[in-house]
Amino acid sequence: MEPMSEYAQLQLHFVDNVQRRYEVIRPIVLMGDRTAAQRAEETHLHPETVRDWTRRFRQQGMLGLFPEHMEIVTPSRGRAVPEVVVEELARLKALYDGFGYRELARIILYKTHERIDDKTVKQLWQQSPPPVQGELPLPTYHSQPQRYQGRLEVIKLYYQGWTKRSICGFLHVSRPAVDRWIGRFEAEHVAGLLGHKPGPQSPRKVWFPLMVEVYHLQKAHPDAGEFRIWSLLAREDISVRTIGRVMALNRQVYDDIPHQRKHAAKQPPQPHPYKATRPHQYWFIDGRMMDFALEGVRWWSLIMLEGYSRTILAGAVAPSEASWVALMVLYTACLRYGVPECLISDSGGAFPSNEFEAVCTRLGIDHKPIESTKGESYLHWMVTVDGGIAPSTSAPKPCVPLLRHTAPQ
C-alpha cells in the first residue's frame, strides 16, 4: 500500500488532532526514512507545518502536539486546604496545645463545615509556627461569675468536638465534674445545669402512720436493728437509713422503748483445765486431715505437744489415723524426752483404741481422752499453743526416762 493511501485510510480512525499530527511526523521522528518535504507531499500539508510539529515534538514531547491556545495544567496531589481551616487551626493552637489530631478534625468540621483528614491536620499543626499567647477569650471554669456559665461552657466545648480530657486541661476543672454536668445535661437538658437544692428532691415519705408502724415493730422486736425492722416493714420505697432515723426518733419520744440494747453480762474467763505448772506435766496429741491430697488420698498429720513450754516433741504424716501412727509418735517423743505424767487427747481416731491404752498403762501415763461435743479438745489445744507465753525455742528437759522391759530369760 502506498504511503498516501495508507494515511488516507488512517484518517478515518482519528478522534482528535493530536493523533493526526503524531501520525504525520511519525515516519520522520521514529523511522527517519523521509524528509519533512516528502511527508508534507504525502499528507497534503505545508512543509513548514510538518517541520514545526516535528520541532515541537522533539522539544516538548506529546505536549508539543497540542494546539497553542490550549492551556496545559499539571494536576496537583489533592485539593488545597481552605484558608478558613488554617485560621481555625491557628486559633485553636493559641488556645490550647493538648488537642488530639482527630479531635481537631471534629472541631474544624463543626466550626468551618470542612471535612479534613487527621493526617492533614497533623501536618498542618506541626508546620504552623507557635502563636504568641494573648489574653484567652474564654475564662476558666472557676473564674466564671456564675456557676451556670461555667457548666454551660463545658457543654458547648463538648458538643463542638472537644474531648473531656481537653476540656479538663483548658478550663482547669476535674474530670468527675465534667462527667457530672454532661450527664445531667443529657438527662435534664438546661435545667440540669442550674444545680439541685441539697436534701431530698422527692416529697417526704415519712409521716405519722409510718412512725406508729415502726413503733409497734420496735415494741414487738426490742433487740432488732434498723435492717431487721426494714425487712419486717417490707417497704421498698423507704430506705434502711430512714428506718434508722425513725427508730431513733421513737426512742426519744416513747419511754417504753429502751434507748439501748440489753447485752448479757460478760462471763469472767475460766481457768484452763489442763494448764501445766511444771515441765512434762501434760502432753497433748492430736491429728488433723491435711488440705491437699496425694494420689487421691488425703493424709493425716499427728503432732505431740508439750504443755509447759508448748514445744512440738514429735510428729508424723500418714495416709490414715491408725493406732500404729499414734504409737510411733508417742514412742518417738518418749524415746527422746521420757514419759510424761498425763497425756491429753480427744476421743476420736486411734487414741481410745485398746493398743494405745495398753501402752499408756504399761508406761504409767495417765491418759485422759476428752469427750468432745463442741470442739473442747481443739479449743484446749489452741489455748495451750497460743495462750499466755510465747512458744519456747529451747527443747524441754528430759523427765522420767523410758523404762525398757525385757522378757525373762
Protein backbone atom coordinates (compact mmCIF):
# COMPACT_ATOMS: atom_id res chain seq x y z
CA MET A 1 0.00 0.00 0.00
CA GLU A 2 1.33 3.47 -0.94
CA PRO A 3 2.01 5.99 1.86
CA MET A 4 -0.65 8.40 0.62
CA SER A 5 -3.41 5.77 0.51
CA GLU A 6 -2.25 4.43 3.94
CA TYR A 7 -2.51 7.87 5.53
CA ALA A 8 -5.90 8.42 3.90
CA GLN A 9 -7.19 5.18 5.47
CA LEU A 10 -5.83 6.11 8.95
CA GLN A 11 -7.58 9.48 8.91
CA LEU A 12 -10.90 7.68 9.18
CA HIS A 13 -9.90 6.37 12.67
CA PHE A 14 -8.50 9.60 14.21
CA VAL A 15 -10.53 11.02 17.10
CA ASP A 16 -8.57 14.24 17.76
CA ASN A 17 -5.91 16.45 16.22
CA VAL A 18 -3.13 15.12 18.44
CA GLN A 19 -3.41 11.65 16.86
CA ARG A 20 -3.40 13.14 13.33
CA ARG A 21 -0.33 15.30 13.99
CA TYR A 22 1.59 12.41 15.53
CA GLU A 23 0.81 10.21 12.52
CA VAL A 24 2.11 12.97 10.22
CA ILE A 25 5.52 13.19 11.95
CA ARG A 26 5.83 9.52 12.97
CA PRO A 27 7.85 8.42 9.84
CA ILE A 28 10.21 11.37 10.39
CA VAL A 29 10.91 11.05 14.17
CA LEU A 30 10.53 7.28 14.53
CA MET A 31 11.83 5.69 11.32
CA GLY A 32 13.72 8.62 9.71
CA ASP A 33 13.16 7.40 6.17
CA ARG A 34 11.53 10.61 4.92
CA THR A 35 12.16 14.30 4.94
CA ALA A 36 9.67 16.93 6.01
CA ALA A 37 9.00 17.93 2.39
CA GLN A 38 8.29 14.37 1.33
CA ARG A 39 5.95 13.80 4.29
CA ALA A 40 4.19 17.09 3.55
CA GLU A 41 3.57 15.98 -0.04
CA GLU A 42 2.17 12.66 1.18
CA THR A 43 -0.23 14.24 3.69
CA HIS A 44 -1.13 17.31 1.59
CA LEU A 45 0.26 19.70 4.21
CA HIS A 46 2.69 22.61 4.02
CA PRO A 47 6.32 21.63 4.65
CA GLU A 48 6.74 24.35 7.33
CA THR A 49 3.80 22.91 9.24
CA VAL A 50 5.40 19.47 9.29
CA ARG A 51 8.77 20.97 10.35
CA ASP A 52 7.05 22.97 13.15
CA TRP A 53 5.28 19.89 14.54
CA THR A 54 8.49 17.88 14.39
CA ARG A 55 10.46 20.55 16.26
CA ARG A 56 7.80 20.94 18.97
CA PHE A 57 7.58 17.17 19.47
CA ARG A 58 11.36 16.88 19.93
CA GLN A 59 11.33 19.76 22.45
CA GLN A 60 8.16 19.04 24.47
CA GLY A 61 7.16 15.51 23.58
CA MET A 62 3.46 14.82 23.17
CA LEU A 63 2.59 18.15 24.82
CA GLY A 64 4.09 19.93 21.79
CA LEU A 65 1.39 18.46 19.54
CA PHE A 66 -1.46 20.13 21.45
CA PRO A 67 -2.87 23.37 20.00
CA GLU A 68 -1.03 26.51 21.07
CA HIS A 69 -4.15 28.16 22.52
CA MET A 70 -4.81 25.18 24.89
CA GLU A 71 -3.59 25.66 28.49
CA ILE A 72 -1.77 22.66 29.96
CA VAL A 73 -2.36 22.37 33.74
CA THR A 74 -0.37 19.88 35.78
CA PRO A 75 -2.71 18.06 38.17
CA SER A 76 -1.93 18.66 41.85
CA ARG A 77 -1.97 15.95 44.53
CA GLY A 78 -5.18 16.51 46.50
CA ARG A 79 -7.09 19.71 46.90
CA ALA A 80 -5.76 22.81 48.55
CA VAL A 81 -6.54 23.37 52.23
CA PRO A 82 -9.08 26.19 52.65
CA GLU A 83 -7.83 29.32 54.34
CA VAL A 84 -10.60 29.17 56.93
CA VAL A 85 -9.25 25.80 58.12
CA VAL A 86 -5.75 27.24 58.57
CA GLU A 87 -7.14 30.18 60.53
CA GLU A 88 -9.18 27.90 62.79
CA LEU A 89 -6.12 25.74 63.48
CA ALA A 90 -4.13 28.84 64.40
CA ARG A 91 -6.89 29.95 66.78
CA LEU A 92 -7.06 26.55 68.45
CA LYS A 93 -3.28 26.37 68.79
CA ALA A 94 -3.32 29.72 70.57
CA LEU A 95 -5.97 28.44 72.99
CA TYR A 96 -4.63 25.03 73.96
CA ASP A 97 -1.83 22.72 72.81
CA GLY A 98 -3.10 19.41 74.17
CA PHE A 99 -5.53 18.53 71.37
CA GLY A 100 -5.57 15.20 69.56
CA TYR A 101 -5.48 15.28 65.77
CA ARG A 102 -8.82 13.50 65.34
CA GLU A 103 -10.28 15.84 67.93
CA LEU A 104 -9.05 18.82 65.89
CA ALA A 105 -10.66 17.35 62.77
CA ARG A 106 -14.01 17.14 64.60
CA ILE A 107 -13.75 20.72 65.88
CA ILE A 108 -12.87 22.04 62.40
CA LEU A 109 -15.82 20.17 60.91
CA TYR A 110 -18.14 21.78 63.46
CA LYS A 111 -16.68 25.28 63.08
CA THR A 112 -16.00 25.52 59.34
CA HIS A 113 -18.08 22.65 57.89
CA GLU A 114 -14.91 21.48 56.13
CA ARG A 115 -14.12 17.78 56.34
CA ILE A 116 -10.37 17.22 56.71
CA ASP A 117 -8.30 14.14 57.45
CA ASP A 118 -6.47 13.80 60.77
CA LYS A 119 -3.17 13.19 58.93
CA THR A 120 -3.56 16.52 57.14
CA VAL A 121 -4.38 18.14 60.48
CA LYS A 122 -1.21 16.66 61.96
CA GLN A 123 0.92 18.01 59.12
CA LEU A 124 -0.61 21.49 59.33
CA TRP A 125 -0.37 21.55 63.12
CA GLN A 126 3.32 20.63 63.12
CA GLN A 127 4.22 23.02 60.31
CA SER A 128 2.40 26.04 61.74
CA PRO A 129 4.55 28.36 63.88
CA PRO A 130 3.80 28.65 67.60
CA PRO A 131 1.47 31.60 68.14
CA VAL A 132 2.00 34.41 70.59
CA GLN A 133 -0.21 33.74 73.60
CA GLY A 134 -2.51 36.63 74.34
CA GLU A 135 -5.49 37.05 76.59
CA LEU A 136 -7.71 33.98 76.49
CA PRO A 137 -11.16 34.66 75.07
CA LEU A 138 -12.66 32.03 77.42
CA PRO A 139 -12.21 32.23 81.22
CA THR A 140 -11.58 29.13 83.27
CA TYR A 141 -14.33 27.14 84.92
CA HIS A 142 -13.87 28.60 88.41
CA SER A 143 -13.40 32.21 87.24
CA GLN A 144 -16.91 32.45 85.83
CA PRO A 145 -19.13 34.95 87.67
CA GLN A 146 -21.91 32.36 87.88
CA ARG A 147 -21.64 28.58 88.14
CA TYR A 148 -24.22 28.11 85.42
CA GLN A 149 -21.95 29.88 82.88
CA GLY A 150 -19.03 27.59 83.65
CA ARG A 151 -21.21 24.48 83.31
CA LEU A 152 -22.67 25.79 80.05
CA GLU A 153 -19.15 26.36 78.69
CA VAL A 154 -18.31 22.72 79.41
CA ILE A 155 -21.36 21.59 77.42
CA LYS A 156 -20.54 23.94 74.50
CA LEU A 157 -16.98 22.69 74.16
CA TYR A 158 -18.09 19.06 74.45
CA TYR A 159 -20.62 19.36 71.63
CA GLN A 160 -18.12 21.28 69.47
CA GLY A 161 -15.93 18.17 69.39
CA TRP A 162 -13.65 18.73 72.38
CA THR A 163 -12.76 15.64 74.37
CA LYS A 164 -13.29 15.52 78.12
CA ARG A 165 -9.54 15.47 78.66
CA SER A 166 -9.04 18.68 76.68
CA ILE A 167 -11.94 20.36 78.50
CA CYS A 168 -10.36 19.49 81.85
CA GLY A 169 -6.97 20.85 80.80
CA PHE A 170 -8.32 24.02 79.20
CA LEU A 171 -10.93 25.07 81.79
CA HIS A 172 -8.96 23.71 84.80
CA VAL A 173 -11.80 21.54 86.03
CA SER A 174 -11.79 17.97 87.32
CA ARG A 175 -12.88 15.02 85.22
CA PRO A 176 -15.71 13.96 87.61
CA ALA A 177 -17.20 17.47 87.36
CA VAL A 178 -17.15 17.31 83.54
CA ASP A 179 -18.78 13.87 83.57
CA ARG A 180 -21.42 15.02 86.06
CA TRP A 181 -22.53 18.11 84.09
CA ILE A 182 -22.55 16.29 80.75
CA GLY A 183 -24.65 13.51 82.28
CA ARG A 184 -27.08 15.99 83.84
CA PHE A 185 -27.42 17.91 80.58
CA GLU A 186 -28.19 14.72 78.64
CA ALA A 187 -30.78 13.71 81.25
CA GLU A 188 -32.39 17.06 82.13
CA HIS A 189 -31.15 19.43 79.38
CA VAL A 190 -30.58 23.04 80.52
CA ALA A 191 -32.43 22.51 83.81
CA GLY A 192 -29.74 20.08 84.90
CA LEU A 193 -27.10 22.86 84.78
CA LEU A 194 -28.91 25.08 87.28
CA GLY A 195 -27.93 22.89 90.20
CA HIS A 196 -30.06 20.99 92.68
CA LYS A 197 -31.27 22.01 96.07
CA PRO A 198 -29.50 20.00 98.77
CA GLY A 199 -31.61 17.43 100.54
CA PRO A 200 -34.33 15.09 99.33
CA GLN A 201 -35.85 16.15 96.00
CA SER A 202 -38.97 14.00 96.14
CA PRO A 203 -41.79 14.51 98.67
CA ARG A 204 -41.03 13.15 102.10
CA LYS A 205 -42.14 9.57 102.60
CA VAL A 206 -42.08 9.65 106.41
CA TRP A 207 -45.31 10.58 108.12
CA PHE A 208 -47.02 9.79 111.39
CA PRO A 209 -48.63 6.45 110.38
CA LEU A 210 -45.22 5.13 109.34
CA MET A 211 -43.71 6.20 112.66
CA VAL A 212 -46.52 4.43 114.51
CA GLU A 213 -45.98 1.27 112.46
CA VAL A 214 -42.25 1.31 113.19
CA TYR A 215 -43.06 1.91 116.88
CA HIS A 216 -45.15 -1.25 117.09
CA LEU A 217 -42.40 -3.25 115.37
CA GLN A 218 -39.87 -1.89 117.86
CA LYS A 219 -42.12 -2.97 120.71
CA ALA A 220 -42.54 -6.45 119.24
CA HIS A 221 -38.82 -6.85 118.49
CA PRO A 222 -36.89 -4.82 121.10
CA ASP A 223 -33.50 -6.24 120.09
CA ALA A 224 -33.98 -5.78 116.34
CA GLY A 225 -31.89 -3.26 114.42
CA GLU A 226 -32.85 -0.94 111.61
CA PHE A 227 -32.23 -3.53 108.88
CA ARG A 228 -34.41 -6.11 110.65
CA ILE A 229 -37.22 -3.57 111.12
CA TRP A 230 -36.89 -2.51 107.47
CA SER A 231 -37.23 -6.13 106.31
CA LEU A 232 -40.29 -6.65 108.51
CA LEU A 233 -41.83 -3.46 107.17
CA ALA A 234 -41.43 -4.67 103.53
CA ARG A 235 -41.42 -1.16 102.05
CA GLU A 236 -39.11 -0.78 99.05
CA ASP A 237 -39.78 2.97 98.81
CA ILE A 238 -38.30 3.52 102.29
CA SER A 239 -34.55 3.18 102.79
CA VAL A 240 -32.83 1.47 105.69
CA ARG A 241 -31.31 4.76 106.86
CA THR A 242 -34.77 6.34 107.00
CA ILE A 243 -36.00 3.48 109.21
CA GLY A 244 -32.98 4.01 111.45
CA ARG A 245 -33.78 7.70 111.87
CA VAL A 246 -37.42 6.91 112.64
CA MET A 247 -36.35 4.35 115.24
CA ALA A 248 -34.03 6.89 116.88
CA LEU A 249 -36.86 9.44 116.98
CA ASN A 250 -39.24 6.90 118.51
CA ARG A 251 -36.74 6.14 121.26
CA GLN A 252 -36.69 9.82 122.18
CA VAL A 253 -40.49 10.21 122.09
CA TYR A 254 -41.71 6.96 123.70
CA ASP A 255 -40.41 5.97 127.12
CA ASP A 256 -41.47 2.33 126.78
CA ILE A 257 -38.83 1.72 124.08
CA PRO A 258 -35.37 1.04 125.56
CA HIS A 259 -32.80 3.59 124.48
CA GLN A 260 -30.11 0.95 124.05
CA ARG A 261 -29.91 -2.77 123.69
CA LYS A 262 -29.60 -5.01 126.71
CA HIS A 263 -26.44 -7.00 126.48
CA ALA A 264 -25.88 -10.10 128.56
CA ALA A 265 -23.31 -9.84 131.29
CA LYS A 266 -19.90 -10.91 130.16
CA GLN A 267 -18.77 -14.07 131.87
CA PRO A 268 -15.36 -13.96 133.54
CA PRO A 269 -12.71 -16.06 131.81
CA GLN A 270 -12.41 -19.56 133.20
CA PRO A 271 -9.03 -21.13 134.02
CA HIS A 272 -7.55 -23.64 131.62
CA PRO A 273 -8.38 -27.14 132.86
CA TYR A 274 -5.02 -28.56 131.82
CA LYS A 275 -2.65 -25.66 132.46
CA ALA A 276 0.80 -27.09 133.14
CA THR A 277 2.79 -25.74 136.13
CA ARG A 278 5.93 -27.76 135.51
CA PRO A 279 7.65 -29.43 132.53
CA HIS A 280 6.17 -32.66 131.20
CA GLN A 281 3.10 -32.43 133.38
CA TYR A 282 0.78 -32.51 130.36
CA TRP A 283 1.38 -33.69 126.83
CA PHE A 284 -1.18 -33.09 124.09
CA ILE A 285 -1.61 -35.26 121.00
CA ASP A 286 -4.00 -34.52 118.16
CA GLY A 287 -4.41 -35.21 114.47
CA ARG A 288 -5.83 -33.21 111.59
CA MET A 289 -6.58 -34.09 107.99
CA MET A 290 -4.45 -32.10 105.54
CA ASP A 291 -5.93 -29.75 102.94
CA PHE A 292 -4.22 -31.45 99.99
CA ALA A 293 -4.31 -34.98 98.60
CA LEU A 294 -1.52 -37.24 97.32
CA GLU A 295 -2.64 -39.55 94.52
CA GLY A 296 -6.26 -39.00 95.51
CA VAL A 297 -5.71 -39.75 99.23
CA ARG A 298 -5.90 -37.03 101.90
CA TRP A 299 -3.20 -37.70 104.52
CA TRP A 300 -3.29 -37.14 108.26
CA SER A 301 -0.86 -35.15 110.39
CA LEU A 302 -0.33 -36.16 114.07
CA ILE A 303 1.62 -33.90 116.45
CA MET A 304 2.73 -34.31 120.09
CA LEU A 305 2.92 -31.01 122.04
CA GLU A 306 4.47 -30.37 125.47
CA GLY A 307 2.04 -28.27 127.56
CA TYR A 308 4.51 -26.26 129.66
CA SER A 309 6.93 -24.99 127.01
CA ARG A 310 4.49 -25.55 124.07
CA THR A 311 7.22 -27.28 122.11
CA ILE A 312 6.43 -29.85 119.41
CA LEU A 313 8.00 -33.08 120.61
CA ALA A 314 7.26 -35.41 117.69
CA GLY A 315 5.05 -35.73 114.67
CA ALA A 316 4.14 -37.98 111.76
CA VAL A 317 2.28 -37.90 108.46
CA ALA A 318 0.29 -40.97 107.42
CA PRO A 319 -2.46 -41.89 104.95
CA SER A 320 -4.83 -42.76 107.83
CA GLU A 321 -5.27 -42.05 111.53
CA ALA A 322 -4.35 -45.56 112.61
CA SER A 323 -3.18 -46.76 116.01
CA TRP A 324 0.34 -47.54 114.77
CA VAL A 325 0.81 -43.92 113.75
CA ALA A 326 -0.18 -42.65 117.20
CA LEU A 327 2.08 -45.25 118.86
CA MET A 328 5.01 -44.23 116.64
CA VAL A 329 4.58 -40.56 117.61
CA LEU A 330 4.36 -41.49 121.30
CA TYR A 331 7.40 -43.76 121.02
CA THR A 332 9.48 -41.05 119.32
CA ALA A 333 8.62 -38.44 121.96
CA CYS A 334 9.20 -40.77 124.92
CA LEU A 335 12.47 -42.07 123.47
CA ARG A 336 13.89 -38.54 123.42
CA TYR A 337 12.25 -36.79 126.40
CA GLY A 338 10.97 -39.53 128.69
CA VAL A 339 7.50 -40.33 129.97
CA PRO A 340 5.01 -37.55 130.84
CA GLU A 341 2.67 -37.53 133.84
CA CYS A 342 -0.51 -37.10 131.82
CA LEU A 343 -1.45 -37.36 128.12
CA ILE A 344 -4.43 -35.39 126.78
CA SER A 345 -6.17 -36.40 123.54
CA ASP A 346 -9.62 -36.37 122.04
CA SER A 347 -11.89 -39.37 121.90
CA GLY A 348 -11.62 -39.98 118.18
CA GLY A 349 -9.34 -41.87 115.85
CA ALA A 350 -6.82 -44.29 117.30
CA PHE A 351 -6.47 -42.69 120.76
CA PRO A 352 -9.21 -44.70 122.55
CA SER A 353 -8.02 -47.96 120.98
CA ASN A 354 -7.02 -50.88 123.18
CA GLU A 355 -3.45 -50.92 121.87
CA PHE A 356 -2.89 -47.23 122.69
CA GLU A 357 -4.46 -47.59 126.14
CA ALA A 358 -2.33 -50.67 126.87
CA VAL A 359 0.91 -48.85 126.04
CA CYS A 360 -0.06 -45.84 128.20
CA THR A 361 -0.93 -48.15 131.13
CA ARG A 362 2.37 -50.07 130.75
CA LEU A 363 4.38 -46.80 130.76
CA GLY A 364 2.46 -45.35 133.71
CA ILE A 365 0.95 -42.48 131.68
CA ASP A 366 -2.38 -41.08 132.84
CA HIS A 367 -4.28 -40.92 129.52
CA LYS A 368 -7.27 -38.55 129.65
CA PRO A 369 -9.35 -38.61 126.47
CA ILE A 370 -11.76 -35.65 126.24
CA GLU A 371 -15.33 -36.39 125.29
CA SER A 372 -15.66 -33.54 122.80
CA THR A 373 -19.18 -32.37 121.93
CA LYS A 374 -18.44 -28.73 121.00
CA GLY A 375 -14.80 -28.87 119.99
CA GLU A 376 -13.32 -28.79 123.53
CA SER A 377 -10.24 -30.78 122.59
CA TYR A 378 -9.36 -28.46 119.73
CA LEU A 379 -10.08 -25.45 121.99
CA HIS A 380 -7.75 -26.75 124.71
CA TRP A 381 -5.12 -27.42 122.05
CA MET A 382 -5.31 -23.86 120.65
CA VAL A 383 -5.31 -22.27 124.10
CA THR A 384 -2.27 -24.33 125.01
CA VAL A 385 -0.45 -23.23 121.84
CA ASP A 386 -1.50 -19.56 121.65
CA GLY A 387 -2.33 -18.56 125.21
CA GLY A 388 -0.10 -16.99 127.81
CA ILE A 389 3.59 -17.05 126.99
CA ALA A 390 5.22 -17.24 123.58
CA PRO A 391 6.39 -20.71 122.50
CA SER A 392 9.82 -21.64 123.73
CA THR A 393 12.58 -22.26 121.23
CA SER A 394 14.65 -24.40 123.58
CA ALA A 395 13.92 -28.09 124.00
CA PRO A 396 12.35 -29.19 127.31
CA LYS A 397 14.40 -31.00 129.85
CA PRO A 398 14.03 -34.77 129.87
CA CYS A 399 11.85 -36.19 132.63
CA VAL A 400 11.50 -39.77 133.79
CA PRO A 401 13.49 -41.98 131.39
CA LEU A 402 11.69 -44.58 129.36
CA LEU A 403 11.74 -47.96 131.03
CA ARG A 404 12.73 -50.77 128.75
CA HIS A 405 11.13 -54.07 129.72
CA THR A 406 12.75 -57.25 128.61
CA ALA A 407 11.38 -60.73 128.64
CA PRO A 408 12.68 -63.10 131.36
CA GLN A 409 15.44 -65.39 130.28
